[in-house]
């Protein structure tokens, strides 16, 4: 479907999906960056506090360019300034701080999946528009956060996966120090996106959320309601 993504969803009457996508993108990226900030503080680096980034304000974490891209095409990114030279665990500290962001996303995904399972169990016996909307909201939050977590684990700079691998492997660390590493990583990520990596990752996210939600619903004696 061509056209502006917001207009497409609105014209299709998919207002719940539209609101869910806007909320979860802003909330998930903000919490992802705060995860990095909390981990950095535990490593002894106060840079996130000094720069004013320990806030729930999406504007601070995402900035005007990212928010503009989100408004135009529905995708965005964030940034948490840290100073790795202050990490008490050195190179390993980099891995811990980098891993905190995806860990937050996976935690959010699990919470959404479990709550979705509860909604499916309840909706199976007494379906309602309200429960359907709640299920849609939770499903979007679940698969989006699985996707964000997986995407950020790709070991290509500037994604978190590169910092994690570099923090755990000296050989990888040396490789990432090459002057062209950032550019090569950016090109690699861009190629992955052009080849449809997002579609594959979103598919994995939807499958994971579906499995967890159906399992929870089954344990609760429900599961008849379909996944949104």
Protein backbone atom coordinates (compact mmCIF):
# COMPACT_ATOMS: atom_id res chain seq x y z
CA UNK A 1 0.00 0.00 0.00
CA UNK A 2 1.40 3.38 -1.02
CA UNK A 3 0.94 6.75 0.60
CA UNK A 4 1.53 8.09 4.07
CA UNK A 5 1.41 5.37 6.72
CA UNK A 6 -0.70 7.45 9.12
CA UNK A 7 -3.20 8.23 6.38
CA UNK A 8 -3.29 4.60 5.26
CA UNK A 9 -4.16 3.36 8.74
CA UNK A 10 -6.68 6.16 9.36
CA UNK A 11 -8.39 5.67 6.01
CA UNK A 12 -8.63 1.93 6.71
CA UNK A 13 -10.29 2.65 10.03
CA UNK A 14 -7.41 1.03 11.92
CA UNK A 15 -7.27 3.72 14.58
CA UNK A 16 -6.35 1.32 17.37
CA UNK A 17 -3.35 0.08 15.40
CA UNK A 18 -2.35 3.66 14.63
CA UNK A 19 -2.52 4.78 18.25
CA UNK A 20 -0.80 1.57 19.38
CA UNK A 21 2.07 2.01 16.92
CA UNK A 22 2.62 5.66 17.92
CA UNK A 23 2.53 4.87 21.63
CA UNK A 24 4.75 1.79 21.51
CA UNK A 25 7.39 3.27 19.22
CA UNK A 26 7.79 6.35 21.43
CA UNK A 27 7.54 4.44 24.71
CA UNK A 28 9.75 1.51 23.67
CA UNK A 29 12.57 3.63 22.27
CA UNK A 30 12.47 5.91 25.31
CA UNK A 31 12.62 2.95 27.70
CA UNK A 32 15.34 1.29 25.58
CA UNK A 33 17.53 4.37 25.94
CA UNK A 34 16.76 4.66 29.65
CA UNK A 35 17.90 1.06 29.98
CA UNK A 36 21.29 2.11 28.62
CA UNK A 37 21.29 5.07 31.00
CA UNK A 38 20.46 3.02 34.09
CA UNK A 39 23.18 0.51 33.20
CA UNK A 40 25.71 3.31 32.60
CA UNK A 41 24.94 4.81 36.01
CA UNK A 42 25.54 1.40 37.60
CA UNK A 43 28.89 1.35 35.81
CA UNK A 44 29.83 4.64 37.47
CA UNK A 45 29.20 6.91 34.47
CA UNK A 46 27.01 9.93 35.30
CA UNK A 47 26.98 11.22 31.72
CA UNK A 48 23.28 10.34 31.21
CA UNK A 49 22.38 12.45 34.26
CA UNK A 50 24.75 15.31 33.42
CA UNK A 51 23.34 15.61 29.90
CA UNK A 52 19.75 15.51 31.14
CA UNK A 53 18.91 12.22 29.39
CA UNK A 54 17.52 10.39 32.42
CA UNK A 55 14.03 11.54 31.48
CA UNK A 56 10.83 10.00 30.11
CA UNK A 57 10.60 12.71 27.44
CA UNK A 58 10.83 11.06 23.96
CA UNK A 59 11.99 14.35 22.43
CA UNK A 60 15.20 14.22 24.48
CA UNK A 61 16.03 10.66 23.44
CA UNK A 62 14.89 10.72 19.82
CA UNK A 63 15.43 14.32 18.71
CA UNK A 64 13.78 16.23 15.84
CA UNK A 65 15.24 14.21 12.95
CA UNK A 66 14.17 10.86 14.39
CA UNK A 67 10.71 12.14 15.27
CA UNK A 68 10.33 13.63 11.79
CA UNK A 69 11.25 10.31 10.21
CA UNK A 70 8.77 8.61 12.50
CA UNK A 71 6.04 11.00 11.40
CA UNK A 72 6.90 10.47 7.73
CA UNK A 73 7.61 6.72 7.48
CA UNK A 74 6.81 5.26 10.90
CA UNK A 75 10.31 4.31 12.06
CA UNK A 76 12.64 6.07 14.50
CA UNK A 77 15.71 5.70 16.69
CA UNK A 78 17.13 7.09 19.92
CA UNK A 79 20.42 7.97 21.59
CA UNK A 80 21.77 7.78 25.13
CA UNK A 81 25.09 9.61 25.62
CA UNK A 82 27.56 7.66 27.76
CA UNK A 83 31.29 7.81 28.46
CA UNK A 84 32.73 4.26 28.27
CA UNK A 85 36.03 5.47 29.76
CA UNK A 86 34.20 5.83 33.09
CA UNK A 87 32.77 2.29 33.15
CA UNK A 88 34.11 0.42 36.17
CA UNK A 89 34.15 -2.87 34.23
CA UNK A 90 36.02 -1.39 31.26
CA UNK A 91 35.35 -3.14 27.96
CA UNK A 92 32.97 -5.60 29.63
CA UNK A 93 31.06 -2.60 30.93
CA UNK A 94 30.40 -1.58 27.33
CA UNK A 95 28.77 -4.94 26.72
CA UNK A 96 26.62 -4.63 29.84
CA UNK A 97 25.45 -1.11 29.02
CA UNK A 98 24.74 -2.02 25.40
CA UNK A 99 22.83 -5.17 26.36
CA UNK A 100 20.58 -3.25 28.75
CA UNK A 101 18.63 -1.63 25.91
CA UNK A 102 17.57 -4.83 24.12
CA UNK A 103 16.97 -6.47 27.51
CA UNK A 104 14.39 -3.78 28.29
CA UNK A 105 12.71 -4.43 24.93
CA UNK A 106 12.53 -8.16 25.55
CA UNK A 107 11.14 -7.51 29.02
CA UNK A 108 8.42 -5.28 27.57
CA UNK A 109 7.66 -7.89 24.92
CA UNK A 110 7.27 -10.60 27.55
CA UNK A 111 4.97 -8.42 29.66
CA UNK A 112 2.80 -7.59 26.63
CA UNK A 113 2.68 -11.24 25.55
CA UNK A 114 1.60 -12.47 28.98
CA UNK A 115 -1.05 -9.76 29.29
CA UNK A 116 -2.22 -10.56 25.75
CA UNK A 117 -2.65 -14.17 26.81
CA UNK A 118 -4.81 -13.02 29.71
CA UNK A 119 -6.88 -10.84 27.35
CA UNK A 120 -7.33 -13.79 24.96
CA UNK A 121 -8.43 -16.05 27.79
CA UNK A 122 -11.00 -13.53 28.97
CA UNK A 123 -12.11 -12.63 25.46
CA UNK A 124 -12.58 -16.26 24.53
CA UNK A 125 -15.50 -16.55 26.93
CA UNK A 126 -16.89 -13.02 26.67
CA UNK A 127 -15.64 -11.28 23.51
CA UNK A 128 -16.00 -7.51 23.31
CA UNK A 129 -14.74 -4.61 21.24
CA UNK A 130 -12.88 -3.30 24.27
CA UNK A 131 -10.99 -6.56 24.78
CA UNK A 132 -10.26 -6.77 21.05
CA UNK A 133 -8.74 -3.29 21.18
CA UNK A 134 -6.70 -4.18 24.27
CA UNK A 135 -5.46 -7.32 22.53
CA UNK A 136 -4.42 -5.31 19.47
CA UNK A 137 -2.60 -2.78 21.65
CA UNK A 138 -0.71 -5.51 23.51
CA UNK A 139 0.08 -7.46 20.35
CA UNK A 140 1.63 -4.39 18.70
CA UNK A 141 3.66 -3.68 21.84
CA UNK A 142 4.81 -7.28 22.02
CA UNK A 143 5.96 -7.88 18.46
CA UNK A 144 7.44 -4.39 18.11
CA UNK A 145 9.63 -4.86 21.17
CA UNK A 146 10.76 -8.32 20.07
CA UNK A 147 11.68 -6.76 16.72
CA UNK A 148 13.52 -3.84 18.35
CA UNK A 149 15.43 -6.21 20.61
CA UNK A 150 16.48 -8.50 17.77
CA UNK A 151 17.36 -5.65 15.41
CA UNK A 152 19.57 -3.95 17.99
CA UNK A 153 21.45 -7.21 18.59
CA UNK A 154 22.78 -7.22 15.02
CA UNK A 155 26.59 -7.00 15.51
CA UNK A 156 27.09 -4.05 13.17
CA UNK A 157 28.06 -0.56 14.37
CA UNK A 158 26.36 1.56 15.58
CA UNK A 159 23.85 -1.04 16.83
CA UNK A 160 24.07 -2.47 20.35
CA UNK A 161 25.12 -5.88 19.07
CA UNK A 162 28.47 -4.46 17.99
CA UNK A 163 29.18 -3.04 21.46
CA UNK A 164 28.11 -6.30 23.09
CA UNK A 165 30.31 -8.43 20.84
CA UNK A 166 33.20 -5.96 21.11
CA UNK A 167 32.92 -6.01 24.89
CA UNK A 168 33.07 -9.81 24.99
CA UNK A 169 35.64 -10.43 22.25
CA UNK A 170 39.01 -8.71 21.93
CA UNK A 171 39.26 -9.62 18.24
CA UNK A 172 35.85 -8.09 17.54
CA UNK A 173 36.83 -5.03 19.58
CA UNK A 174 39.92 -4.51 17.44
CA UNK A 175 37.85 -4.92 14.27
CA UNK A 176 35.33 -2.31 15.39
CA UNK A 177 38.14 0.18 16.07
CA UNK A 178 38.95 0.38 12.35
CA UNK A 179 38.30 3.90 11.00
CA UNK A 180 35.83 2.56 8.46
CA UNK A 181 33.96 0.26 10.85
CA UNK A 182 31.08 2.67 11.47
CA UNK A 183 30.53 3.28 7.77
CA UNK A 184 30.77 -0.42 6.94
CA UNK A 185 28.29 -1.21 9.71
CA UNK A 186 25.87 1.44 8.48
CA UNK A 187 26.03 0.11 4.92
CA UNK A 188 25.52 -3.46 6.16
CA UNK A 189 22.43 -2.45 8.15
CA UNK A 190 21.08 -0.46 5.21
CA UNK A 191 21.51 -3.46 2.91
CA UNK A 192 19.72 -5.70 5.40
CA UNK A 193 16.80 -3.29 5.51
CA UNK A 194 16.66 -3.07 1.71
CA UNK A 195 16.60 -6.88 1.55
CA UNK A 196 13.56 -7.00 3.81
CA UNK A 197 15.16 -7.71 7.18
CA UNK A 198 12.46 -5.75 8.98
CA UNK A 199 9.75 -7.96 7.52
CA UNK A 200 11.55 -11.09 8.70
CA UNK A 201 12.20 -9.64 12.17
CA UNK A 202 8.60 -8.47 12.54
CA UNK A 203 7.47 -11.94 11.50
CA UNK A 204 9.64 -13.50 14.18
CA UNK A 205 8.25 -11.04 16.71
CA UNK A 206 4.65 -11.84 15.81
CA UNK A 207 5.34 -15.57 16.06
CA UNK A 208 7.06 -15.30 19.46
CA UNK A 209 4.28 -13.15 20.90
CA UNK A 210 1.64 -15.49 19.50
CA UNK A 211 3.24 -18.57 21.03
CA UNK A 212 3.61 -16.99 24.48
CA UNK A 213 0.12 -15.48 24.44
CA UNK A 214 -1.55 -18.74 23.36
CA UNK A 215 0.39 -20.65 26.00
CA UNK A 216 -0.71 -18.25 28.73
CA UNK A 217 -4.29 -18.29 27.45
CA UNK A 218 -4.25 -22.08 27.40
CA UNK A 219 -2.99 -22.27 30.98
CA UNK A 220 -5.82 -19.95 32.02
CA UNK A 221 -8.35 -22.16 30.26
CA UNK A 222 -8.94 -19.85 27.30
CA UNK A 223 -7.20 -19.38 23.98
CA UNK A 224 -10.18 -19.50 21.70
CA UNK A 225 -9.92 -15.87 20.67
CA UNK A 226 -7.64 -15.24 17.66
CA UNK A 227 -4.39 -13.29 17.83
CA UNK A 228 -4.99 -9.76 16.40
